[in-house]
Amino acid sequence: MPPASVLALRFVAALAILAVGPYLLWDVGIRGGGPDAPFSLLEMSMLVSFVACAAVGAFACWQPVGCPFRPMHARRVLAVYLPAAFGWVLFLIAYLAVARSCEAPVPVQAGLQYLANGNPARLGFWFVVLTVGVGAPLAEEIVFRGYLQGALQQVMPAWPAIGIAAAAFGAVHGVPYALPIGLLGCLFGWLRARNGSLLPSMLAHAVHNSLIVLITRIWPGSIDLLYPQ
């Protein structure tokens, strides 16, 4: 296994690959365009994100992560994830309600709005689906549970390493979403530590994102329930 210092450097490099290009496009194009920015900009951002995710995967093949990818233990992972996901949804509902009561409502993510209202006839729609459901989970697990958690577990016990990696994972998704997404990161990190491999957290992450895509598409009204105007 590479030493912690090497994994930490790989984490910084992989995070830069994953975040810099898509973030700049988002900042200049979508967020800079305000709430009425056309969906085509989001599609473009997701296309860039998908390329960045693929680049992170290629980087991991060249510079290995801090643990093996296998075994997956798919049934055991799903048996843990599904009840945990139900508890997470209840926490999310409570978190959003508390934020509204404190007059600091959490804004709905643009990607969710797009998935609810986007046109499946557009090629860009499927880039959004593919990036959210597959590309981002695989690349983010490499970055946070592979490199970062792998480095941290060499210098501290497992639970603090899981917590720090999860906090970083939540933070990069933005302050309003940091707590609920950080909790998801704890689940993914625990799966990685428990199984000694990266595919379990990748599987749980991909299933989680894919379920969000499916539910949002089938039931667009779920956004209004979670994020009432």
C-alpha atoms as a PDB file:
ATOM      1  CA  MET A   1       0.000   0.000   0.000  1.00  0.00           C
ATOM      2  CA  PRO A   2       1.347   3.486  -0.825  1.00  0.00           C
ATOM      3  CA  PRO A   3       2.311   5.583   2.223  1.00  0.00           C
ATOM      4  CA  ALA A   4      -0.120   8.161   3.597  1.00  0.00           C
ATOM      5  CA  SER A   5       1.830  11.111   2.181  1.00  0.00           C
ATOM      6  CA  VAL A   6       1.667   9.677  -1.332  1.00  0.00           C
ATOM      7  CA  LEU A   7      -2.055   8.970  -1.061  1.00  0.00           C
ATOM      8  CA  ALA A   8      -2.635  12.497   0.221  1.00  0.00           C
ATOM      9  CA  LEU A   9      -0.894  13.951  -2.837  1.00  0.00           C
ATOM     10  CA  ARG A  10      -2.939  11.682  -5.088  1.00  0.00           C
ATOM     11  CA  PHE A  11      -6.088  12.865  -3.339  1.00  0.00           C
ATOM     12  CA  VAL A  12      -5.247  16.500  -4.080  1.00  0.00           C
ATOM     13  CA  ALA A  13      -4.497  15.715  -7.719  1.00  0.00           C
ATOM     14  CA  ALA A  14      -7.638  13.616  -8.221  1.00  0.00           C
ATOM     15  CA  LEU A  15      -9.838  16.212  -6.521  1.00  0.00           C
ATOM     16  CA  ALA A  16      -8.419  18.879  -8.822  1.00  0.00           C
ATOM     17  CA  ILE A  17      -9.193  16.714 -11.861  1.00  0.00           C
ATOM     18  CA  LEU A  18     -12.737  16.109 -10.635  1.00  0.00           C
ATOM     19  CA  ALA A  19     -13.625  19.620  -9.513  1.00  0.00           C
ATOM     20  CA  VAL A  20     -11.749  22.358 -11.355  1.00  0.00           C
ATOM     21  CA  GLY A  21     -13.155  22.138 -14.884  1.00  0.00           C
ATOM     22  CA  PRO A  22     -16.805  21.483 -13.960  1.00  0.00           C
ATOM     23  CA  TYR A  23     -16.690  24.076 -11.160  1.00  0.00           C
ATOM     24  CA  LEU A  24     -15.361  26.792 -13.433  1.00  0.00           C
ATOM     25  CA  LEU A  25     -18.024  26.059 -16.013  1.00  0.00           C
ATOM     26  CA  TRP A  26     -20.713  26.061 -13.328  1.00  0.00           C
ATOM     27  CA  ASP A  27     -19.471  29.299 -11.768  1.00  0.00           C
ATOM     28  CA  VAL A  28     -19.126  31.166 -15.050  1.00  0.00           C
ATOM     29  CA  GLY A  29     -22.033  29.639 -16.931  1.00  0.00           C
ATOM     30  CA  ILE A  30     -24.844  28.234 -14.833  1.00  0.00           C
ATOM     31  CA  ARG A  31     -24.594  29.943 -11.460  1.00  0.00           C
ATOM     32  CA  GLY A  32     -23.491  33.157 -13.100  1.00  0.00           C
ATOM     33  CA  GLY A  33     -26.576  32.988 -15.299  1.00  0.00           C
ATOM     34  CA  GLY A  34     -28.959  32.999 -12.351  1.00  0.00           C
ATOM     35  CA  PRO A  35     -32.000  30.800 -11.766  1.00  0.00           C
ATOM     36  CA  ASP A  36     -33.252  31.252 -15.337  1.00  0.00           C
ATOM     37  CA  ALA A  37     -30.092  29.809 -16.923  1.00  0.00           C
ATOM     38  CA  PRO A  38     -31.046  27.381 -19.712  1.00  0.00           C
ATOM     39  CA  PHE A  39     -30.762  23.679 -19.098  1.00  0.00           C
ATOM     40  CA  SER A  40     -28.275  23.351 -21.942  1.00  0.00           C
ATOM     41  CA  LEU A  41     -25.632  24.904 -19.706  1.00  0.00           C
ATOM     42  CA  LEU A  42     -26.287  22.281 -17.038  1.00  0.00           C
ATOM     43  CA  GLU A  43     -26.046  19.563 -19.674  1.00  0.00           C
ATOM     44  CA  MET A  44     -22.718  20.978 -20.772  1.00  0.00           C
ATOM     45  CA  SER A  45     -21.513  21.075 -17.182  1.00  0.00           C
ATOM     46  CA  MET A  46     -22.497  17.437 -16.701  1.00  0.00           C
ATOM     47  CA  LEU A  47     -20.719  16.455 -19.902  1.00  0.00           C
ATOM     48  CA  VAL A  48     -17.553  18.092 -18.607  1.00  0.00           C
ATOM     49  CA  SER A  49     -18.136  16.384 -15.245  1.00  0.00           C
ATOM     50  CA  PHE A  50     -18.486  13.007 -16.928  1.00  0.00           C
ATOM     51  CA  VAL A  51     -15.189  13.501 -18.744  1.00  0.00           C
ATOM     52  CA  ALA A  52     -13.609  14.537 -15.432  1.00  0.00           C
ATOM     53  CA  CYS A  53     -14.995  11.390 -13.749  1.00  0.00           C
ATOM     54  CA  ALA A  54     -13.498   9.246 -16.492  1.00  0.00           C
ATOM     55  CA  ALA A  55     -10.190  11.074 -16.040  1.00  0.00           C
ATOM     56  CA  VAL A  56     -10.249  10.294 -12.301  1.00  0.00           C
ATOM     57  CA  GLY A  57     -10.794   6.624 -13.136  1.00  0.00           C
ATOM     58  CA  ALA A  58      -7.839   6.684 -15.507  1.00  0.00           C
ATOM     59  CA  PHE A  59      -5.745   8.449 -12.866  1.00  0.00           C
ATOM     60  CA  ALA A  60      -6.628   5.697 -10.351  1.00  0.00           C
ATOM     61  CA  CYS A  61      -5.446   3.051 -12.804  1.00  0.00           C
ATOM     62  CA  TRP A  62      -2.134   4.892 -13.019  1.00  0.00           C
ATOM     63  CA  GLN A  63      -1.839   5.901  -9.356  1.00  0.00           C
ATOM     64  CA  PRO A  64      -3.539   3.198  -7.228  1.00  0.00           C
ATOM     65  CA  VAL A  65      -5.873   4.025  -4.355  1.00  0.00           C
ATOM     66  CA  GLY A  66      -5.278   3.018  -0.743  1.00  0.00           C
ATOM     67  CA  CYS A  67      -7.175  -0.288  -0.909  1.00  0.00           C
ATOM     68  CA  PRO A  68      -8.196  -2.986  -3.406  1.00  0.00           C
ATOM     69  CA  PHE A  69     -11.376  -2.558  -5.410  1.00  0.00           C
ATOM     70  CA  ARG A  70     -12.663  -6.064  -4.644  1.00  0.00           C
ATOM     71  CA  PRO A  71     -14.497  -7.869  -3.114  1.00  0.00           C
ATOM     72  CA  MET A  72     -17.884  -6.225  -3.650  1.00  0.00           C
ATOM     73  CA  HIS A  73     -20.231  -8.259  -1.354  1.00  0.00           C
ATOM     74  CA  ALA A  74     -23.241  -6.849  -3.241  1.00  0.00           C
ATOM     75  CA  ARG A  75     -25.974  -8.526  -1.177  1.00  0.00           C
ATOM     76  CA  ARG A  76     -24.414  -7.526   2.120  1.00  0.00           C
ATOM     77  CA  VAL A  77     -23.924  -3.975   0.913  1.00  0.00           C
ATOM     78  CA  LEU A  78     -27.532  -3.626  -0.222  1.00  0.00           C
ATOM     79  CA  ALA A  79     -28.786  -5.180   3.022  1.00  0.00           C
ATOM     80  CA  VAL A  80     -26.981  -2.394   4.875  1.00  0.00           C
ATOM     81  CA  TYR A  81     -27.683   0.438   2.462  1.00  0.00           C
ATOM     82  CA  LEU A  82     -31.458   0.099   2.023  1.00  0.00           C
ATOM     83  CA  PRO A  83     -32.492   0.516   5.697  1.00  0.00           C
ATOM     84  CA  ALA A  84     -29.794   3.157   6.162  1.00  0.00           C
ATOM     85  CA  ALA A  85     -31.191   5.056   3.167  1.00  0.00           C
ATOM     86  CA  PHE A  86     -34.662   5.063   4.716  1.00  0.00           C
ATOM     87  CA  GLY A  87     -33.250   6.574   7.913  1.00  0.00           C
ATOM     88  CA  TRP A  88     -31.296   9.106   5.855  1.00  0.00           C
ATOM     89  CA  VAL A  89     -34.450  10.239   4.046  1.00  0.00           C
ATOM     90  CA  LEU A  90     -36.182  10.830   7.384  1.00  0.00           C
ATOM     91  CA  PHE A  91     -33.170  12.829   8.553  1.00  0.00           C
ATOM     92  CA  LEU A  92     -33.175  14.855   5.313  1.00  0.00           C
ATOM     93  CA  ILE A  93     -36.844  15.727   5.728  1.00  0.00           C
ATOM     94  CA  ALA A  94     -36.221  16.883   9.300  1.00  0.00           C
ATOM     95  CA  TYR A  95     -33.060  18.786   8.295  1.00  0.00           C
ATOM     96  CA  LEU A  96     -34.844  20.680   5.528  1.00  0.00           C
ATOM     97  CA  ALA A  97     -37.768  21.474   7.835  1.00  0.00           C
ATOM     98  CA  VAL A  98     -35.473  22.832  10.552  1.00  0.00           C
ATOM     99  CA  ALA A  99     -33.601  24.946   8.001  1.00  0.00           C
ATOM    100  CA  ARG A 100     -36.898  26.464   6.813  1.00  0.00           C
ATOM    101  CA  SER A 101     -38.011  27.137  10.377  1.00  0.00           C
ATOM    102  CA  CYS A 102     -34.735  28.978  10.988  1.00  0.00           C
ATOM    103  CA  GLU A 103     -35.400  31.121   7.899  1.00  0.00           C
ATOM    104  CA  ALA A 104     -32.429  29.577   6.114  1.00  0.00           C
ATOM    105  CA  PRO A 105     -34.128  27.313   3.567  1.00  0.00           C
ATOM    106  CA  VAL A 106     -31.909  24.925   1.632  1.00  0.00           C
ATOM    107  CA  PRO A 107     -32.204  25.633  -2.111  1.00  0.00           C
ATOM    108  CA  VAL A 108     -33.102  22.756  -4.380  1.00  0.00           C
ATOM    109  CA  GLN A 109     -30.170  21.531  -6.426  1.00  0.00           C
ATOM    110  CA  ALA A 110     -30.280  22.489 -10.089  1.00  0.00           C
ATOM    111  CA  GLY A 111     -29.614  18.893 -11.067  1.00  0.00           C
ATOM    112  CA  LEU A 112     -32.782  17.731  -9.322  1.00  0.00           C
ATOM    113  CA  GLN A 113     -34.843  20.364 -11.076  1.00  0.00           C
ATOM    114  CA  TYR A 114     -33.382  19.290 -14.377  1.00  0.00           C
ATOM    115  CA  LEU A 115     -34.071  15.602 -13.768  1.00  0.00           C
ATOM    116  CA  ALA A 116     -37.682  16.418 -12.917  1.00  0.00           C
ATOM    117  CA  ASN A 117     -38.302  18.613 -15.958  1.00  0.00           C
ATOM    118  CA  GLY A 118     -35.612  17.753 -18.522  1.00  0.00           C
ATOM    119  CA  ASN A 119     -36.446  16.337 -21.925  1.00  0.00           C
ATOM    120  CA  PRO A 120     -35.312  12.701 -22.374  1.00  0.00           C
ATOM    121  CA  ALA A 121     -35.243  13.273 -26.125  1.00  0.00           C
ATOM    122  CA  ARG A 122     -32.164  15.451 -25.642  1.00  0.00           C
ATOM    123  CA  LEU A 123     -28.803  13.712 -25.673  1.00  0.00           C
ATOM    124  CA  GLY A 124     -27.680  16.003 -22.863  1.00  0.00           C
ATOM    125  CA  PHE A 125     -30.377  14.582 -20.591  1.00  0.00           C
ATOM    126  CA  TRP A 126     -28.694  11.188 -20.670  1.00  0.00           C
ATOM    127  CA  PHE A 127     -25.311  12.716 -19.902  1.00  0.00           C
ATOM    128  CA  VAL A 128     -26.891  14.166 -16.772  1.00  0.00           C
ATOM    129  CA  VAL A 129     -28.360  10.773 -15.822  1.00  0.00           C
ATOM    130  CA  LEU A 130     -25.122   8.923 -16.553  1.00  0.00           C
ATOM    131  CA  THR A 131     -22.994  11.404 -14.630  1.00  0.00           C
ATOM    132  CA  VAL A 132     -25.243  11.524 -11.566  1.00  0.00           C
ATOM    133  CA  GLY A 133     -25.987   7.803 -11.467  1.00  0.00           C
ATOM    134  CA  VAL A 134     -22.644   6.287 -12.427  1.00  0.00           C
ATOM    135  CA  GLY A 135     -19.795   8.695 -13.130  1.00  0.00           C
ATOM    136  CA  ALA A 136     -19.917  10.795  -9.970  1.00  0.00           C
ATOM    137  CA  PRO A 137     -20.321   7.854  -7.543  1.00  0.00           C
ATOM    138  CA  LEU A 138     -17.350   5.987  -8.968  1.00  0.00           C
ATOM    139  CA  ALA A 139     -15.061   9.011  -9.190  1.00  0.00           C
ATOM    140  CA  GLU A 140     -16.029  10.448  -5.794  1.00  0.00           C
ATOM    141  CA  GLU A 141     -15.421   7.120  -4.084  1.00  0.00           C
ATOM    142  CA  ILE A 142     -11.970   6.944  -5.625  1.00  0.00           C
ATOM    143  CA  VAL A 143     -11.188  10.463  -4.416  1.00  0.00           C
ATOM    144  CA  PHE A 144     -12.678  10.413  -0.914  1.00  0.00           C
ATOM    145  CA  ARG A 145     -12.818   6.780   0.205  1.00  0.00           C
ATOM    146  CA  GLY A 146      -9.871   5.618  -1.859  1.00  0.00           C
ATOM    147  CA  TYR A 147      -7.202   8.290  -1.619  1.00  0.00           C
ATOM    148  CA  LEU A 148      -8.299  10.432   1.328  1.00  0.00           C
ATOM    149  CA  GLN A 149      -9.671   7.787   3.673  1.00  0.00           C
ATOM    150  CA  GLY A 150      -6.864   5.459   2.650  1.00  0.00           C
ATOM    151  CA  ALA A 151      -4.305   8.055   3.700  1.00  0.00           C
ATOM    152  CA  LEU A 152      -6.073   8.907   6.948  1.00  0.00           C
ATOM    153  CA  GLN A 153      -6.503   5.308   8.073  1.00  0.00           C
ATOM    154  CA  GLN A 154      -2.750   4.920   8.058  1.00  0.00           C
ATOM    155  CA  VAL A 155      -2.277   7.637  10.672  1.00  0.00           C
ATOM    156  CA  MET A 156      -5.425   7.380  12.837  1.00  0.00           C
ATOM    157  CA  PRO A 157      -8.163   4.924  13.836  1.00  0.00           C
ATOM    158  CA  ALA A 158     -10.841   4.027  11.294  1.00  0.00           C
ATOM    159  CA  TRP A 159     -13.743   6.103  12.676  1.00  0.00           C
ATOM    160  CA  PRO A 160     -11.957   9.470  12.737  1.00  0.00           C
ATOM    161  CA  ALA A 161     -10.649   8.730   9.238  1.00  0.00           C
ATOM    162  CA  ILE A 162     -14.164   7.934   8.048  1.00  0.00           C
ATOM    163  CA  GLY A 163     -15.513  11.104   9.666  1.00  0.00           C
ATOM    164  CA  ILE A 164     -12.892  13.437   8.208  1.00  0.00           C
ATOM    165  CA  ALA A 165     -13.247  11.976   4.714  1.00  0.00           C
ATOM    166  CA  ALA A 166     -17.046  12.227   5.011  1.00  0.00           C
ATOM    167  CA  ALA A 167     -16.829  15.856   6.176  1.00  0.00           C
ATOM    168  CA  ALA A 168     -14.665  16.719   3.164  1.00  0.00           C
ATOM    169  CA  PHE A 169     -17.096  14.854   0.918  1.00  0.00           C
ATOM    170  CA  GLY A 170     -20.012  16.848   2.312  1.00  0.00           C
ATOM    171  CA  ALA A 171     -18.166  20.156   2.123  1.00  0.00           C
ATOM    172  CA  VAL A 172     -17.411  19.909  -1.584  1.00  0.00           C
ATOM    173  CA  HIS A 173     -21.150  19.588  -2.256  1.00  0.00           C
ATOM    174  CA  GLY A 174     -21.780  23.001  -0.722  1.00  0.00           C
ATOM    175  CA  VAL A 175     -22.490  24.259   2.788  1.00  0.00           C
ATOM    176  CA  PRO A 176     -26.303  23.855   2.657  1.00  0.00           C
ATOM    177  CA  TYR A 177     -25.935  20.176   1.753  1.00  0.00           C
ATOM    178  CA  ALA A 178     -22.799  19.388   3.747  1.00  0.00           C
ATOM    179  CA  LEU A 179     -24.476  17.718   6.744  1.00  0.00           C
ATOM    180  CA  PRO A 180     -26.825  15.256   4.999  1.00  0.00           C
ATOM    181  CA  ILE A 181     -24.296  14.408   2.316  1.00  0.00           C
ATOM    182  CA  GLY A 182     -21.581  14.084   4.946  1.00  0.00           C
ATOM    183  CA  LEU A 183     -23.749  11.514   6.744  1.00  0.00           C
ATOM    184  CA  LEU A 184     -23.975   9.566   3.510  1.00  0.00           C
ATOM    185  CA  GLY A 185     -20.209   9.786   3.335  1.00  0.00           C
ATOM    186  CA  CYS A 186     -19.982   8.148   6.759  1.00  0.00           C
ATOM    187  CA  LEU A 187     -22.052   5.229   5.476  1.00  0.00           C
ATOM    188  CA  PHE A 188     -19.920   4.876   2.360  1.00  0.00           C
ATOM    189  CA  GLY A 189     -16.731   5.152   4.398  1.00  0.00           C
ATOM    190  CA  TRP A 190     -17.921   2.509   6.851  1.00  0.00           C
ATOM    191  CA  LEU A 191     -18.688   0.143   3.976  1.00  0.00           C
ATOM    192  CA  ARG A 192     -15.201   0.714   2.592  1.00  0.00           C
ATOM    193  CA  ALA A 193     -13.575   0.091   5.994  1.00  0.00           C
ATOM    194  CA  ARG A 194     -15.750  -2.896   6.861  1.00  0.00           C
ATOM    195  CA  ASN A 195     -15.117  -4.713   3.581  1.00  0.00           C
ATOM    196  CA  GLY A 196     -11.533  -3.597   3.052  1.00  0.00           C
ATOM    197  CA  SER A 197     -12.303  -2.671  -0.552  1.00  0.00           C
ATOM    198  CA  LEU A 198     -13.734   0.176  -2.604  1.00  0.00           C
ATOM    199  CA  LEU A 199     -16.442  -1.497  -4.699  1.00  0.00           C
ATOM    200  CA  PRO A 200     -18.908  -1.751  -1.763  1.00  0.00           C
ATOM    201  CA  SER A 201     -18.975   2.019  -1.259  1.00  0.00           C
ATOM    202  CA  MET A 202     -19.093   2.561  -5.027  1.00  0.00           C
ATOM    203  CA  LEU A 203     -22.107   0.252  -5.283  1.00  0.00           C
ATOM    204  CA  ALA A 204     -23.994   1.923  -2.425  1.00  0.00           C
ATOM    205  CA  HIS A 205     -23.218   5.387  -3.798  1.00  0.00           C
ATOM    206  CA  ALA A 206     -24.327   4.462  -7.337  1.00  0.00           C
ATOM    207  CA  VAL A 207     -27.540   2.842  -6.071  1.00  0.00           C
ATOM    208  CA  HIS A 208     -28.301   5.908  -3.942  1.00  0.00           C
ATOM    209  CA  ASN A 209     -27.806   8.381  -6.778  1.00  0.00           C
ATOM    210  CA  SER A 210     -29.670   6.197  -9.256  1.00  0.00           C
ATOM    211  CA  LEU A 211     -32.652   5.918  -6.908  1.00  0.00           C
ATOM    212  CA  ILE A 212     -32.719   9.701  -6.588  1.00  0.00           C
ATOM    213  CA  VAL A 213     -32.701  10.007 -10.382  1.00  0.00           C
ATOM    214  CA  LEU A 214     -35.508   7.451 -10.716  1.00  0.00           C
ATOM    215  CA  ILE A 215     -37.719   8.873  -7.970  1.00  0.00           C
ATOM    216  CA  THR A 216     -37.262  12.448  -9.155  1.00  0.00           C
ATOM    217  CA  ARG A 217     -38.127  11.482 -12.710  1.00  0.00           C
ATOM    218  CA  ILE A 218     -41.144   9.351 -11.829  1.00  0.00           C
ATOM    219  CA  TRP A 219     -42.409  11.673  -9.079  1.00  0.00           C
ATOM    220  CA  PRO A 220     -41.394  15.277  -9.854  1.00  0.00           C
ATOM    221  CA  GLY A 221     -43.688  16.480  -7.074  1.00  0.00           C
ATOM    222  CA  SER A 222     -41.262  15.070  -4.523  1.00  0.00           C
ATOM    223  CA  ILE A 223     -39.140  18.186  -5.064  1.00  0.00           C
ATOM    224  CA  ASP A 224     -42.029  20.456  -4.076  1.00  0.00           C
ATOM    225  CA  LEU A 225     -42.622  18.385  -0.951  1.00  0.00           C
ATOM    226  CA  LEU A 226     -38.990  18.531   0.123  1.00  0.00           C
ATOM    227  CA  TYR A 227     -38.315  22.111  -0.996  1.00  0.00           C
ATOM    228  CA  PRO A 228     -41.611  24.011  -0.691  1.00  0.00           C
ATOM    229  CA  GLN A 229     -41.509  27.532  -2.033  1.00  0.00           C
END
